[in-house]
Amino acid sequence: MKKSPPVAKCPKTPKLSVSEALRLESDRALVELIRYRLSLPPEKRLNVLRRKIGLRATCL
């Protein structure tokens, strides 16, 4: 039987636990979502309906 060659491990990257990996992925997804929504024009980004009051003011 042949032995498989040893796998080289990178000492600079520590192994993360499952909960830490999920937290990091969740944070990355949140930042991606925030950047996406900020890239939209204000009319689509706010996602609210506003009503005009008088000539200059608006309210929700």
N, C-alpha and C. Protein backbone atom coordinates (compact mmCIF):
# COMPACT_ATOMS: atom_id res chain seq x y z
N MET A 1 0.84 -1.18 0.00
CA MET A 1 0.00 0.00 0.00
C MET A 1 0.88 1.24 0.00
N LYS A 2 0.43 2.21 -0.76
CA LYS A 2 1.16 3.48 -0.79
C LYS A 2 0.59 4.43 0.25
N LYS A 3 1.47 5.14 0.87
CA LYS A 3 1.04 6.16 1.81
C LYS A 3 0.81 7.45 1.03
N SER A 4 -0.22 8.16 1.43
CA SER A 4 -0.47 9.45 0.78
C SER A 4 0.57 10.46 1.26
N PRO A 5 0.95 11.40 0.40
CA PRO A 5 1.94 12.38 0.82
C PRO A 5 1.38 13.28 1.91
N PRO A 6 2.24 13.75 2.80
CA PRO A 6 1.74 14.62 3.89
C PRO A 6 1.22 15.93 3.33
N VAL A 7 0.17 16.41 3.94
CA VAL A 7 -0.45 17.67 3.52
C VAL A 7 0.29 18.82 4.20
N ALA A 8 0.69 19.80 3.41
CA ALA A 8 1.39 20.96 3.97
C ALA A 8 0.38 21.86 4.66
N LYS A 9 0.67 22.22 5.88
CA LYS A 9 -0.22 23.09 6.62
C LYS A 9 0.39 24.47 6.71
N CYS A 10 -0.44 25.47 6.55
CA CYS A 10 0.03 26.85 6.64
C CYS A 10 -0.05 27.27 8.12
N PRO A 11 1.06 27.61 8.74
CA PRO A 11 1.03 27.95 10.17
C PRO A 11 0.39 29.30 10.45
N LYS A 12 0.22 30.14 9.43
CA LYS A 12 -0.30 31.49 9.68
C LYS A 12 -1.81 31.53 9.79
N THR A 13 -2.52 30.53 9.28
CA THR A 13 -3.97 30.53 9.33
C THR A 13 -4.45 29.54 10.38
N PRO A 14 -4.90 30.04 11.53
CA PRO A 14 -5.40 29.14 12.56
C PRO A 14 -6.76 28.55 12.16
N LYS A 15 -7.02 27.37 12.61
CA LYS A 15 -8.30 26.72 12.30
C LYS A 15 -9.40 27.36 13.15
N LEU A 16 -10.46 27.77 12.48
CA LEU A 16 -11.58 28.42 13.17
C LEU A 16 -12.61 27.39 13.58
N SER A 17 -13.28 27.66 14.68
CA SER A 17 -14.38 26.79 15.06
C SER A 17 -15.57 27.10 14.16
N VAL A 18 -16.55 26.25 14.20
CA VAL A 18 -17.71 26.40 13.33
C VAL A 18 -18.45 27.70 13.65
N SER A 19 -18.62 28.02 14.92
CA SER A 19 -19.35 29.23 15.29
C SER A 19 -18.60 30.49 14.85
N GLU A 20 -17.26 30.47 14.97
CA GLU A 20 -16.48 31.63 14.52
C GLU A 20 -16.56 31.79 13.01
N ALA A 21 -16.51 30.67 12.29
CA ALA A 21 -16.60 30.73 10.83
C ALA A 21 -17.96 31.25 10.40
N LEU A 22 -19.02 30.81 11.06
CA LEU A 22 -20.36 31.30 10.73
C LEU A 22 -20.51 32.78 11.04
N ARG A 23 -19.92 33.23 12.15
CA ARG A 23 -19.98 34.64 12.50
C ARG A 23 -19.25 35.49 11.47
N LEU A 24 -18.08 35.05 11.06
CA LEU A 24 -17.32 35.80 10.06
C LEU A 24 -18.06 35.86 8.73
N GLU A 25 -18.67 34.75 8.33
CA GLU A 25 -19.43 34.72 7.07
C GLU A 25 -20.66 35.62 7.17
N SER A 26 -21.32 35.62 8.32
CA SER A 26 -22.48 36.48 8.52
C SER A 26 -22.09 37.95 8.47
N ASP A 27 -20.97 38.30 9.10
CA ASP A 27 -20.49 39.68 9.06
C ASP A 27 -20.14 40.10 7.64
N ARG A 28 -19.50 39.19 6.89
CA ARG A 28 -19.13 39.50 5.51
C ARG A 28 -20.38 39.72 4.64
N ALA A 29 -21.40 38.88 4.84
CA ALA A 29 -22.63 39.02 4.09
C ALA A 29 -23.34 40.33 4.43
N LEU A 30 -23.31 40.72 5.70
CA LEU A 30 -23.94 41.97 6.12
C LEU A 30 -23.25 43.17 5.49
N VAL A 31 -21.93 43.17 5.47
CA VAL A 31 -21.18 44.27 4.85
C VAL A 31 -21.48 44.33 3.36
N GLU A 32 -21.56 43.16 2.72
CA GLU A 32 -21.88 43.11 1.30
C GLU A 32 -23.27 43.68 1.02
N LEU A 33 -24.25 43.35 1.86
CA LEU A 33 -25.61 43.85 1.71
C LEU A 33 -25.66 45.37 1.91
N ILE A 34 -24.95 45.87 2.91
CA ILE A 34 -24.92 47.32 3.17
C ILE A 34 -24.31 48.05 1.99
N ARG A 35 -23.20 47.53 1.46
CA ARG A 35 -22.56 48.18 0.31
C ARG A 35 -23.47 48.16 -0.91
N TYR A 36 -24.19 47.05 -1.11
CA TYR A 36 -25.12 46.96 -2.24
C TYR A 36 -26.23 47.99 -2.11
N ARG A 37 -26.83 48.07 -0.93
CA ARG A 37 -27.94 49.00 -0.75
C ARG A 37 -27.49 50.45 -0.82
N LEU A 38 -26.28 50.76 -0.35
CA LEU A 38 -25.77 52.12 -0.46
C LEU A 38 -25.47 52.50 -1.91
N SER A 39 -25.24 51.51 -2.75
CA SER A 39 -24.96 51.80 -4.15
C SER A 39 -26.24 52.13 -4.94
N LEU A 40 -27.40 51.80 -4.38
CA LEU A 40 -28.67 52.10 -5.05
C LEU A 40 -29.00 53.58 -4.94
N PRO A 41 -29.82 54.10 -5.86
CA PRO A 41 -30.26 55.49 -5.72
C PRO A 41 -31.17 55.63 -4.48
N PRO A 42 -31.26 56.84 -3.92
CA PRO A 42 -32.04 57.02 -2.68
C PRO A 42 -33.50 56.59 -2.79
N GLU A 43 -34.12 56.73 -3.94
CA GLU A 43 -35.53 56.35 -4.08
C GLU A 43 -35.73 54.86 -3.83
N LYS A 44 -34.80 54.04 -4.29
CA LYS A 44 -34.91 52.59 -4.09
C LYS A 44 -34.31 52.16 -2.76
N ARG A 45 -33.33 52.90 -2.27
CA ARG A 45 -32.61 52.51 -1.07
C ARG A 45 -33.46 52.69 0.19
N LEU A 46 -34.26 53.75 0.25
CA LEU A 46 -35.01 54.04 1.47
C LEU A 46 -36.18 53.08 1.68
N ASN A 47 -36.81 52.65 0.58
CA ASN A 47 -37.88 51.66 0.65
C ASN A 47 -39.02 52.09 1.58
N VAL A 48 -39.37 53.36 1.53
CA VAL A 48 -40.51 53.86 2.31
C VAL A 48 -41.38 54.72 1.40
N LEU A 49 -42.60 54.87 1.79
CA LEU A 49 -43.51 55.76 1.06
C LEU A 49 -43.60 57.06 1.83
N ARG A 50 -43.38 58.15 1.16
CA ARG A 50 -43.43 59.46 1.82
C ARG A 50 -44.59 60.25 1.25
N ARG A 51 -45.22 61.04 2.10
CA ARG A 51 -46.31 61.92 1.67
C ARG A 51 -45.86 63.35 1.82
N LYS A 52 -46.23 64.16 0.86
CA LYS A 52 -45.88 65.57 0.94
C LYS A 52 -46.87 66.30 1.84
N ILE A 53 -46.34 67.19 2.65
CA ILE A 53 -47.13 68.08 3.49
C ILE A 53 -46.77 69.49 3.08
N GLY A 54 -47.69 70.15 2.53
CA GLY A 54 -47.41 71.52 2.09
C GLY A 54 -46.48 71.52 0.89
N LEU A 55 -45.69 72.57 0.78
CA LEU A 55 -44.82 72.73 -0.37
C LEU A 55 -43.44 72.08 -0.19
N ARG A 56 -42.95 72.00 1.04
CA ARG A 56 -41.57 71.58 1.23
C ARG A 56 -41.40 70.34 2.12
N ALA A 57 -42.28 70.09 3.02
CA ALA A 57 -42.07 69.02 4.00
C ALA A 57 -42.66 67.70 3.54
N THR A 58 -42.09 66.61 4.07
CA THR A 58 -42.61 65.27 3.82
C THR A 58 -42.71 64.52 5.15
N CYS A 59 -43.50 63.49 5.17
CA CYS A 59 -43.60 62.63 6.35
C CYS A 59 -43.84 61.21 5.90
N LEU A 60 -43.72 60.29 6.83
CA LEU A 60 -43.95 58.88 6.52
C LEU A 60 -45.41 58.54 6.59
